[in-house]
PDB file of N, CA and C in Angstrom:
ATOM      1  N   MET A   1      -7.196  10.740   7.199  1.00  0.00           N
ATOM      2  CA  MET A   1      -7.960   9.755   6.458  1.00  0.00           C
ATOM      3  C   MET A   1      -8.724   8.865   7.413  1.00  0.00           C
ATOM      4  N   SER A   2      -9.939   8.522   7.066  1.00  0.00           N
ATOM      5  CA  SER A   2     -10.720   7.613   7.905  1.00  0.00           C
ATOM      6  C   SER A   2     -11.514   6.682   7.004  1.00  0.00           C
ATOM      7  N   ASN A   3     -11.907   5.546   7.588  1.00  0.00           N
ATOM      8  CA  ASN A   3     -12.740   4.598   6.846  1.00  0.00           C
ATOM      9  C   ASN A   3     -14.155   5.130   6.791  1.00  0.00           C
ATOM     10  N   ALA A   4     -14.750   5.037   5.629  1.00  0.00           N
ATOM     11  CA  ALA A   4     -16.152   5.408   5.502  1.00  0.00           C
ATOM     12  C   ALA A   4     -17.049   4.222   5.814  1.00  0.00           C
ATOM     13  N   THR A   5     -16.452   3.049   5.884  1.00  0.00           N
ATOM     14  CA  THR A   5     -17.222   1.877   6.296  1.00  0.00           C
ATOM     15  C   THR A   5     -17.011   1.693   7.781  1.00  0.00           C
ATOM     16  N   ASN A   6     -17.966   1.124   8.460  1.00  0.00           N
ATOM     17  CA  ASN A   6     -17.880   0.974   9.904  1.00  0.00           C
ATOM     18  C   ASN A   6     -17.301  -0.387  10.230  1.00  0.00           C
ATOM     19  N   GLY A   7     -16.098  -0.437  10.729  1.00  0.00           N
ATOM     20  CA  GLY A   7     -15.437  -1.700  11.025  1.00  0.00           C
ATOM     21  C   GLY A   7     -13.992  -1.600  10.610  1.00  0.00           C
ATOM     22  N   ALA A   8     -13.131  -2.149  11.406  1.00  0.00           N
ATOM     23  CA  ALA A   8     -11.703  -1.964  11.177  1.00  0.00           C
ATOM     24  C   ALA A   8     -11.204  -2.760   9.975  1.00  0.00           C
ATOM     25  N   PHE A   9     -11.705  -3.972   9.788  1.00  0.00           N
ATOM     26  CA  PHE A   9     -11.178  -4.823   8.733  1.00  0.00           C
ATOM     27  C   PHE A   9     -12.303  -5.373   7.875  1.00  0.00           C
ATOM     28  N   SER A  10     -11.976  -5.624   6.620  1.00  0.00           N
ATOM     29  CA  SER A  10     -12.879  -6.356   5.748  1.00  0.00           C
ATOM     30  C   SER A  10     -12.240  -7.710   5.458  1.00  0.00           C
ATOM     31  N   LEU A  11     -13.035  -8.652   5.013  1.00  0.00           N
ATOM     32  CA  LEU A  11     -12.571 -10.016   4.772  1.00  0.00           C
ATOM     33  C   LEU A  11     -12.552 -10.284   3.280  1.00  0.00           C
ATOM     34  N   SER A  12     -11.468 -10.901   2.797  1.00  0.00           N
ATOM     35  CA  SER A  12     -11.361 -11.217   1.381  1.00  0.00           C
ATOM     36  C   SER A  12     -10.897 -12.655   1.202  1.00  0.00           C
ATOM     37  N   TYR A  13     -11.563 -13.363   0.290  1.00  0.00           N
ATOM     38  CA  TYR A  13     -11.188 -14.741  -0.036  1.00  0.00           C
ATOM     39  C   TYR A  13     -10.397 -14.804  -1.336  1.00  0.00           C
ATOM     40  N   THR A  14     -10.214 -13.655  -1.978  1.00  0.00           N
ATOM     41  CA  THR A  14      -9.383 -13.549  -3.176  1.00  0.00           C
ATOM     42  C   THR A  14      -8.390 -12.423  -2.941  1.00  0.00           C
ATOM     43  N   THR A  15      -7.526 -12.168  -3.902  1.00  0.00           N
ATOM     44  CA  THR A  15      -6.562 -11.076  -3.750  1.00  0.00           C
ATOM     45  C   THR A  15      -7.172  -9.721  -4.115  1.00  0.00           C
ATOM     46  N   ASN A  16      -8.421  -9.711  -4.565  1.00  0.00           N
ATOM     47  CA  ASN A  16      -9.110  -8.449  -4.872  1.00  0.00           C
ATOM     48  C   ASN A  16      -9.854  -7.954  -3.639  1.00  0.00           C
ATOM     49  N   PHE A  17      -9.776  -6.666  -3.362  1.00  0.00           N
ATOM     50  CA  PHE A  17     -10.493  -6.114  -2.216  1.00  0.00           C
ATOM     51  C   PHE A  17     -10.772  -4.644  -2.482  1.00  0.00           C
ATOM     52  N   PHE A  18     -11.660  -4.047  -1.699  1.00  0.00           N
ATOM     53  CA  PHE A  18     -12.033  -2.655  -1.929  1.00  0.00           C
ATOM     54  C   PHE A  18     -12.336  -1.971  -0.609  1.00  0.00           C
ATOM     55  N   ARG A  19     -12.422  -0.644  -0.658  1.00  0.00           N
ATOM     56  CA  ARG A  19     -12.723   0.148   0.530  1.00  0.00           C
ATOM     57  C   ARG A  19     -13.281   1.494   0.102  1.00  0.00           C
ATOM     58  N   TYR A  20     -14.360   1.920   0.754  1.00  0.00           N
ATOM     59  CA  TYR A  20     -14.779   3.316   0.690  1.00  0.00           C
ATOM     60  C   TYR A  20     -14.025   4.027   1.792  1.00  0.00           C
ATOM     61  N   TYR A  21     -13.586   5.253   1.551  1.00  0.00           N
ATOM     62  CA  TYR A  21     -12.859   5.984   2.586  1.00  0.00           C
ATOM     63  C   TYR A  21     -13.106   7.476   2.452  1.00  0.00           C
ATOM     64  N   ILE A  22     -12.797   8.199   3.519  1.00  0.00           N
ATOM     65  CA  ILE A  22     -12.887   9.653   3.556  1.00  0.00           C
ATOM     66  C   ILE A  22     -11.474  10.169   3.747  1.00  0.00           C
ATOM     67  N   ALA A  23     -11.061  11.121   2.915  1.00  0.00           N
ATOM     68  CA  ALA A  23      -9.700  11.660   3.012  1.00  0.00           C
ATOM     69  C   ALA A  23      -9.680  13.064   2.423  1.00  0.00           C
ATOM     70  N   THR A  24      -8.548  13.722   2.592  1.00  0.00           N
ATOM     71  CA  THR A  24      -8.392  15.070   2.040  1.00  0.00           C
ATOM     72  C   THR A  24      -8.104  15.037   0.547  1.00  0.00           C
ATOM     73  N   SER A  25      -7.657  13.891   0.034  1.00  0.00           N
ATOM     74  CA  SER A  25      -7.399  13.712  -1.390  1.00  0.00           C
ATOM     75  C   SER A  25      -7.365  12.215  -1.691  1.00  0.00           C
ATOM     76  N   PRO A  26      -7.362  11.837  -2.965  1.00  0.00           N
ATOM     77  CA  PRO A  26      -7.325  10.414  -3.310  1.00  0.00           C
ATOM     78  C   PRO A  26      -6.028   9.741  -2.873  1.00  0.00           C
ATOM     79  N   ILE A  27      -6.117   8.453  -2.621  1.00  0.00           N
ATOM     80  CA  ILE A  27      -4.938   7.628  -2.343  1.00  0.00           C
ATOM     81  C   ILE A  27      -4.233   7.343  -3.666  1.00  0.00           C
ATOM     82  N   VAL A  28      -2.898   7.498  -3.675  1.00  0.00           N
ATOM     83  CA  VAL A  28      -2.143   7.222  -4.895  1.00  0.00           C
ATOM     84  C   VAL A  28      -1.239   5.993  -4.753  1.00  0.00           C
ATOM     85  N   ASP A  29      -1.048   5.511  -3.518  1.00  0.00           N
ATOM     86  CA  ASP A  29      -0.238   4.312  -3.303  1.00  0.00           C
ATOM     87  C   ASP A  29      -0.722   3.602  -2.046  1.00  0.00           C
ATOM     88  N   VAL A  30      -0.749   2.265  -2.088  1.00  0.00           N
ATOM     89  CA  VAL A  30      -1.188   1.457  -0.950  1.00  0.00           C
ATOM     90  C   VAL A  30      -0.187   0.345  -0.707  1.00  0.00           C
ATOM     91  N   GLU A  31       0.193   0.167   0.560  1.00  0.00           N
ATOM     92  CA  GLU A  31       0.951  -1.008   0.980  1.00  0.00           C
ATOM     93  C   GLU A  31       0.116  -1.721   2.029  1.00  0.00           C
ATOM     94  N   LEU A  32       0.177  -3.031   2.030  1.00  0.00           N
ATOM     95  CA  LEU A  32      -0.491  -3.837   3.044  1.00  0.00           C
ATOM     96  C   LEU A  32       0.572  -4.279   4.038  1.00  0.00           C
ATOM     97  N   VAL A  33       0.404  -3.900   5.301  1.00  0.00           N
ATOM     98  CA  VAL A  33       1.392  -4.209   6.328  1.00  0.00           C
ATOM     99  C   VAL A  33       0.822  -5.284   7.247  1.00  0.00           C
ATOM    100  N   ASN A  34       1.535  -6.401   7.363  1.00  0.00           N
ATOM    101  CA  ASN A  34       1.106  -7.508   8.219  1.00  0.00           C
ATOM    102  C   ASN A  34       1.022  -7.019   9.660  1.00  0.00           C
ATOM    103  N   VAL A  35      -0.139  -7.199  10.285  1.00  0.00           N
ATOM    104  CA  VAL A  35      -0.376  -6.708  11.643  1.00  0.00           C
ATOM    105  C   VAL A  35       0.596  -7.335  12.639  1.00  0.00           C
ATOM    106  N   GLU A  36       0.918  -8.607  12.472  1.00  0.00           N
ATOM    107  CA  GLU A  36       1.772  -9.301  13.441  1.00  0.00           C
ATOM    108  C   GLU A  36       3.262  -9.130  13.181  1.00  0.00           C
ATOM    109  N   THR A  37       3.674  -9.160  11.914  1.00  0.00           N
ATOM    110  CA  THR A  37       5.110  -9.173  11.609  1.00  0.00           C
ATOM    111  C   THR A  37       5.646  -7.861  11.061  1.00  0.00           C
ATOM    112  N   GLY A  38       4.773  -7.001  10.570  1.00  0.00           N
ATOM    113  CA  GLY A  38       5.211  -5.752   9.954  1.00  0.00           C
ATOM    114  C   GLY A  38       5.690  -5.913   8.517  1.00  0.00           C
ATOM    115  N   GLU A  39       5.681  -7.149   8.001  1.00  0.00           N
ATOM    116  CA  GLU A  39       6.090  -7.368   6.614  1.00  0.00           C
ATOM    117  C   GLU A  39       5.077  -6.728   5.664  1.00  0.00           C
ATOM    118  N   ILE A  40       5.575  -6.287   4.524  1.00  0.00           N
ATOM    119  CA  ILE A  40       4.724  -5.606   3.555  1.00  0.00           C
ATOM    120  C   ILE A  40       4.360  -6.550   2.416  1.00  0.00           C
ATOM    121  N   LEU A  41       3.070  -6.597   2.110  1.00  0.00           N
ATOM    122  CA  LEU A  41       2.557  -7.336   0.963  1.00  0.00           C
ATOM    123  C   LEU A  41       2.201  -6.304  -0.089  1.00  0.00           C
ATOM    124  N   GLY A  42       2.786  -6.422  -1.262  1.00  0.00           N
ATOM    125  CA  GLY A  42       2.533  -5.452  -2.320  1.00  0.00           C
ATOM    126  C   GLY A  42       1.093  -5.497  -2.803  1.00  0.00           C
ATOM    127  N   SER A  43       0.631  -4.370  -3.300  1.00  0.00           N
ATOM    128  CA  SER A  43      -0.708  -4.298  -3.874  1.00  0.00           C
ATOM    129  C   SER A  43      -0.721  -3.243  -4.970  1.00  0.00           C
ATOM    130  N   GLU A  44      -1.717  -3.347  -5.819  1.00  0.00           N
ATOM    131  CA  GLU A  44      -1.856  -2.424  -6.936  1.00  0.00           C
ATOM    132  C   GLU A  44      -3.251  -1.826  -6.903  1.00  0.00           C
ATOM    133  N   ILE A  45      -3.356  -0.546  -7.188  1.00  0.00           N
ATOM    134  CA  ILE A  45      -4.657   0.122  -7.268  1.00  0.00           C
ATOM    135  C   ILE A  45      -5.249  -0.139  -8.643  1.00  0.00           C
ATOM    136  N   TRP A  46      -6.486  -0.653  -8.665  1.00  0.00           N
ATOM    137  CA  TRP A  46      -7.185  -0.864  -9.933  1.00  0.00           C
ATOM    138  C   TRP A  46      -8.099   0.312 -10.251  1.00  0.00           C
ATOM    139  N   GLN A  47      -8.896   0.722  -9.264  1.00  0.00           N
ATOM    140  CA  GLN A  47      -9.822   1.837  -9.440  1.00  0.00           C
ATOM    141  C   GLN A  47      -9.720   2.750  -8.236  1.00  0.00           C
ATOM    142  N   ASN A  48      -9.891   4.033  -8.471  1.00  0.00           N
ATOM    143  CA  ASN A  48      -9.910   4.989  -7.378  1.00  0.00           C
ATOM    144  C   ASN A  48     -10.662   6.214  -7.868  1.00  0.00           C
ATOM    145  N   TYR A  49     -11.838   6.446  -7.322  1.00  0.00           N
ATOM    146  CA  TYR A  49     -12.612   7.600  -7.760  1.00  0.00           C
ATOM    147  C   TYR A  49     -13.431   8.158  -6.608  1.00  0.00           C
ATOM    148  N   GLU A  50     -13.871   9.405  -6.778  1.00  0.00           N
ATOM    149  CA  GLU A  50     -14.668  10.079  -5.763  1.00  0.00           C
ATOM    150  C   GLU A  50     -16.148   9.848  -6.039  1.00  0.00           C
ATOM    151  N   THR A  51     -16.905   9.540  -4.985  1.00  0.00           N
ATOM    152  CA  THR A  51     -18.344   9.334  -5.127  1.00  0.00           C
ATOM    153  C   THR A  51     -19.062  10.677  -5.049  1.00  0.00           C
ATOM    154  N   GLU A  52     -20.331  10.701  -5.381  1.00  0.00           N
ATOM    155  CA  GLU A  52     -21.100  11.945  -5.373  1.00  0.00           C
ATOM    156  C   GLU A  52     -21.185  12.588  -4.000  1.00  0.00           C
ATOM    157  N   ASP A  53     -21.106  11.787  -2.933  1.00  0.00           N
ATOM    158  CA  ASP A  53     -21.206  12.338  -1.585  1.00  0.00           C
ATOM    159  C   ASP A  53     -19.847  12.711  -0.987  1.00  0.00           C
ATOM    160  N   GLY A  54     -18.787  12.732  -1.809  1.00  0.00           N
ATOM    161  CA  GLY A  54     -17.483  13.192  -1.343  1.00  0.00           C
ATOM    162  C   GLY A  54     -16.577  12.119  -0.770  1.00  0.00           C
ATOM    163  N   ARG A  55     -17.049  10.879  -0.742  1.00  0.00           N
ATOM    164  CA  ARG A  55     -16.178   9.787  -0.308  1.00  0.00           C
ATOM    165  C   ARG A  55     -15.380   9.300  -1.507  1.00  0.00           C
ATOM    166  N   PHE A  56     -14.404   8.462  -1.239  1.00  0.00           N
ATOM    167  CA  PHE A  56     -13.622   7.858  -2.307  1.00  0.00           C
ATOM    168  C   PHE A  56     -13.851   6.352  -2.289  1.00  0.00           C
ATOM    169  N   TYR A  57     -13.736   5.746  -3.450  1.00  0.00           N
ATOM    170  CA  TYR A  57     -13.848   4.298  -3.588  1.00  0.00           C
ATOM    171  C   TYR A  57     -12.528   3.805  -4.144  1.00  0.00           C
ATOM    172  N   LEU A  58     -11.951   2.806  -3.491  1.00  0.00           N
ATOM    173  CA  LEU A  58     -10.653   2.285  -3.885  1.00  0.00           C
ATOM    174  C   LEU A  58     -10.769   0.783  -4.072  1.00  0.00           C
ATOM    175  N   GLN A  59     -10.439   0.301  -5.258  1.00  0.00           N
ATOM    176  CA  GLN A  59     -10.389  -1.138  -5.516  1.00  0.00           C
ATOM    177  C   GLN A  59      -8.941  -1.509  -5.758  1.00  0.00           C
ATOM    178  N   MET A  60      -8.477  -2.570  -5.081  1.00  0.00           N
ATOM    179  CA  MET A  60      -7.080  -2.964  -5.114  1.00  0.00           C
ATOM    180  C   MET A  60      -6.950  -4.452  -5.366  1.00  0.00           C
ATOM    181  N   VAL A  61      -5.748  -4.875  -5.705  1.00  0.00           N
ATOM    182  CA  VAL A  61      -5.431  -6.294  -5.819  1.00  0.00           C
ATOM    183  C   VAL A  61      -4.072  -6.504  -5.168  1.00  0.00           C
ATOM    184  N   ALA A  62      -3.987  -7.547  -4.339  1.00  0.00           N
ATOM    185  CA  ALA A  62      -2.721  -7.885  -3.681  1.00  0.00           C
ATOM    186  C   ALA A  62      -1.862  -8.704  -4.631  1.00  0.00           C
ATOM    187  N   ASP A  63      -0.555  -8.609  -4.453  1.00  0.00           N
ATOM    188  CA  ASP A  63       0.375  -9.345  -5.320  1.00  0.00           C
ATOM    189  C   ASP A  63       0.230 -10.853  -5.172  1.00  0.00           C
ATOM    190  N   GLU A  64      -0.150 -11.310  -3.977  1.00  0.00           N
ATOM    191  CA  GLU A  64      -0.288 -12.747  -3.736  1.00  0.00           C
ATOM    192  C   GLU A  64      -1.231 -12.991  -2.573  1.00  0.00           C
ATOM    193  N   MET A  65      -1.737 -14.203  -2.479  1.00  0.00           N
ATOM    194  CA  MET A  65      -2.587 -14.592  -1.351  1.00  0.00           C
ATOM    195  C   MET A  65      -1.695 -15.219  -0.282  1.00  0.00           C
ATOM    196  N   PRO A  66      -1.795 -14.755   0.969  1.00  0.00           N
ATOM    197  CA  PRO A  66      -1.030 -15.400   2.046  1.00  0.00           C
ATOM    198  C   PRO A  66      -1.414 -16.873   2.168  1.00  0.00           C
ATOM    199  N   GLU A  67      -0.520 -17.664   2.716  1.00  0.00           N
ATOM    200  CA  GLU A  67      -0.765 -19.107   2.839  1.00  0.00           C
ATOM    201  C   GLU A  67      -1.796 -19.439   3.911  1.00  0.00           C
ATOM    202  N   SER A  68      -1.958 -18.573   4.880  1.00  0.00           N
ATOM    203  CA  SER A  68      -2.946 -18.787   5.944  1.00  0.00           C
ATOM    204  C   SER A  68      -3.659 -17.469   6.218  1.00  0.00           C
ATOM    205  N   LYS A  69      -4.724 -17.531   7.014  1.00  0.00           N
ATOM    206  CA  LYS A  69      -5.510 -16.342   7.339  1.00  0.00           C
ATOM    207  C   LYS A  69      -4.600 -15.292   7.974  1.00  0.00           C
ATOM    208  N   THR A  70      -4.553 -14.095   7.365  1.00  0.00           N
ATOM    209  CA  THR A  70      -3.607 -13.068   7.779  1.00  0.00           C
ATOM    210  C   THR A  70      -4.269 -11.698   7.748  1.00  0.00           C
ATOM    211  N   SER A  71      -3.994 -10.881   8.770  1.00  0.00           N
ATOM    212  CA  SER A  71      -4.530  -9.521   8.860  1.00  0.00           C
ATOM    213  C   SER A  71      -3.482  -8.495   8.450  1.00  0.00           C
ATOM    214  N   PHE A  72      -3.925  -7.522   7.674  1.00  0.00           N
ATOM    215  CA  PHE A  72      -3.074  -6.428   7.219  1.00  0.00           C
ATOM    216  C   PHE A  72      -3.761  -5.106   7.499  1.00  0.00           C
ATOM    217  N   PHE A  73      -2.966  -4.066   7.793  1.00  0.00           N
ATOM    218  CA  PHE A  73      -3.520  -2.722   7.794  1.00  0.00           C
ATOM    219  C   PHE A  73      -2.976  -1.998   6.575  1.00  0.00           C
ATOM    220  N   TYR A  74      -3.661  -0.902   6.189  1.00  0.00           N
ATOM    221  CA  TYR A  74      -3.262  -0.140   5.008  1.00  0.00           C
ATOM    222  C   TYR A  74      -2.244   0.927   5.400  1.00  0.00           C
ATOM    223  N   ARG A  75      -1.175   1.033   4.647  1.00  0.00           N
ATOM    224  CA  ARG A  75      -0.266   2.177   4.699  1.00  0.00           C
ATOM    225  C   ARG A  75      -0.471   2.870   3.360  1.00  0.00           C
ATOM    226  N   VAL A  76      -1.062   4.062   3.415  1.00  0.00           N
ATOM    227  CA  VAL A  76      -1.464   4.734   2.178  1.00  0.00           C
ATOM    228  C   VAL A  76      -0.732   6.058   2.019  1.00  0.00           C
ATOM    229  N   THR A  77      -0.545   6.438   0.769  1.00  0.00           N
ATOM    230  CA  THR A  77      -0.006   7.753   0.450  1.00  0.00           C
ATOM    231  C   THR A  77      -1.088   8.518  -0.293  1.00  0.00           C
ATOM    232  N   LEU A  78      -1.407   9.701   0.225  1.00  0.00           N
ATOM    233  CA  LEU A  78      -2.414  10.546  -0.392  1.00  0.00           C
ATOM    234  C   LEU A  78      -1.790  11.386  -1.502  1.00  0.00           C
ATOM    235  N   GLU A  79      -2.635  11.939  -2.335  1.00  0.00           N
ATOM    236  CA  GLU A  79      -2.196  12.704  -3.495  1.00  0.00           C
ATOM    237  C   GLU A  79      -1.233  13.840  -3.127  1.00  0.00           C
ATOM    238  N   GLU A  80      -1.438  14.460  -1.968  1.00  0.00           N
ATOM    239  CA  GLU A  80      -0.567  15.571  -1.570  1.00  0.00           C
ATOM    240  C   GLU A  80       0.744  15.108  -0.933  1.00  0.00           C
ATOM    241  N   GLY A  81       0.989  13.782  -0.935  1.00  0.00           N
ATOM    242  CA  GLY A  81       2.268  13.259  -0.472  1.00  0.00           C
ATOM    243  C   GLY A  81       2.306  12.791   0.971  1.00  0.00           C
ATOM    244  N   ILE A  82       1.216  12.895   1.693  1.00  0.00           N
ATOM    245  CA  ILE A  82       1.156  12.461   3.088  1.00  0.00           C
ATOM    246  C   ILE A  82       0.994  10.944   3.143  1.00  0.00           C
ATOM    247  N   THR A  83       1.814  10.268   3.961  1.00  0.00           N
ATOM    248  CA  THR A  83       1.682   8.820   4.162  1.00  0.00           C
ATOM    249  C   THR A  83       1.070   8.569   5.525  1.00  0.00           C
ATOM    250  N   VAL A  84       0.064   7.675   5.566  1.00  0.00           N
ATOM    251  CA  VAL A  84      -0.714   7.417   6.772  1.00  0.00           C
ATOM    252  C   VAL A  84      -0.848   5.918   6.988  1.00  0.00           C
ATOM    253  N   ASP A  85      -0.624   5.463   8.223  1.00  0.00           N
ATOM    254  CA  ASP A  85      -0.987   4.098   8.612  1.00  0.00           C
ATOM    255  C   ASP A  85      -2.413   4.150   9.132  1.00  0.00           C
ATOM    256  N   THR A  86      -3.294   3.334   8.574  1.00  0.00           N
ATOM    257  CA  THR A  86      -4.706   3.403   8.925  1.00  0.00           C
ATOM    258  C   THR A  86      -5.073   2.376   9.999  1.00  0.00           C
ATOM    259  N   HIS A  87      -6.250   2.569  10.568  1.00  0.00           N
ATOM    260  CA  HIS A  87      -6.799   1.591  11.513  1.00  0.00           C
ATOM    261  C   HIS A  87      -7.569   0.510  10.763  1.00  0.00           C
ATOM    262  N   GLY A  88      -7.895   0.770   9.519  1.00  0.00           N
ATOM    263  CA  GLY A  88      -8.619  -0.188   8.698  1.00  0.00           C
ATOM    264  C   GLY A  88      -7.666  -1.096   7.957  1.00  0.00           C
ATOM    265  N   GLY A  89      -8.183  -2.183   7.466  1.00  0.00           N
ATOM    266  CA  GLY A  89      -7.355  -3.106   6.736  1.00  0.00           C
ATOM    267  C   GLY A  89      -8.164  -4.233   6.142  1.00  0.00           C
ATOM    268  N   VAL A  90      -7.469  -5.291   5.826  1.00  0.00           N
ATOM    269  CA  VAL A  90      -8.116  -6.441   5.193  1.00  0.00           C
ATOM    270  C   VAL A  90      -7.547  -7.718   5.790  1.00  0.00           C
ATOM    271  N   VAL A  91      -8.416  -8.719   5.949  1.00  0.00           N
ATOM    272  CA  VAL A  91      -7.999 -10.056   6.374  1.00  0.00           C
ATOM    273  C   VAL A  91      -8.145 -10.963   5.157  1.00  0.00           C
ATOM    274  N   PHE A  92      -7.037 -11.575   4.743  1.00  0.00           N
ATOM    275  CA  PHE A  92      -7.092 -12.529   3.650  1.00  0.00           C
ATOM    276  C   PHE A  92      -7.230 -13.925   4.245  1.00  0.00           C
ATOM    277  N   ASP A  93      -8.172 -14.677   3.707  1.00  0.00           N
ATOM    278  CA  ASP A  93      -8.399 -16.050   4.197  1.00  0.00           C
ATOM    279  C   ASP A  93      -8.485 -16.983   2.994  1.00  0.00           C
ATOM    280  N   PRO A  94      -7.369 -17.614   2.633  1.00  0.00           N
ATOM    281  CA  PRO A  94      -7.359 -18.481   1.453  1.00  0.00           C
ATOM    282  C   PRO A  94      -8.257 -19.702   1.583  1.00  0.00           C
ATOM    283  N   ASP A  95      -8.604 -20.076   2.824  1.00  0.00           N
ATOM    284  CA  ASP A  95      -9.462 -21.244   3.047  1.00  0.00           C
ATOM    285  C   ASP A  95     -10.926 -20.901   3.057  1.00  0.00           C
ATOM    286  N   GLY A  96     -11.261 -19.614   3.014  1.00  0.00           N
ATOM    287  CA  GLY A  96     -12.660 -19.195   2.995  1.00  0.00           C
ATOM    288  C   GLY A  96     -13.383 -19.398   4.315  1.00  0.00           C
ATOM    289  N   ASN A  97     -12.667 -19.340   5.436  1.00  0.00           N
ATOM    290  CA  ASN A  97     -13.295 -19.531   6.750  1.00  0.00           C
ATOM    291  C   ASN A  97     -13.648 -18.211   7.410  1.00  0.00           C
TER     292      ASN A  97
END
């Protein structure tokens, strides 16, 4: 699996976030793993579909907003059962900085 967007992390000021990605199959489960502590922040998949050019679009929502600016990477499970830790992720910034 690889990011179809160029850049390791995206920035979110809400608990909603999204990612285009390239993979062998759709993602069926996502965990957000804190880059510094390894703690897992739960998330739920809202939308997941394949685009016309063969990429996938994934829209997710985190269970909660961290209290301070925090970086997470994605731990994803693909449809065929493979679990992958990605280089991409999301930075949540509740202060909007």
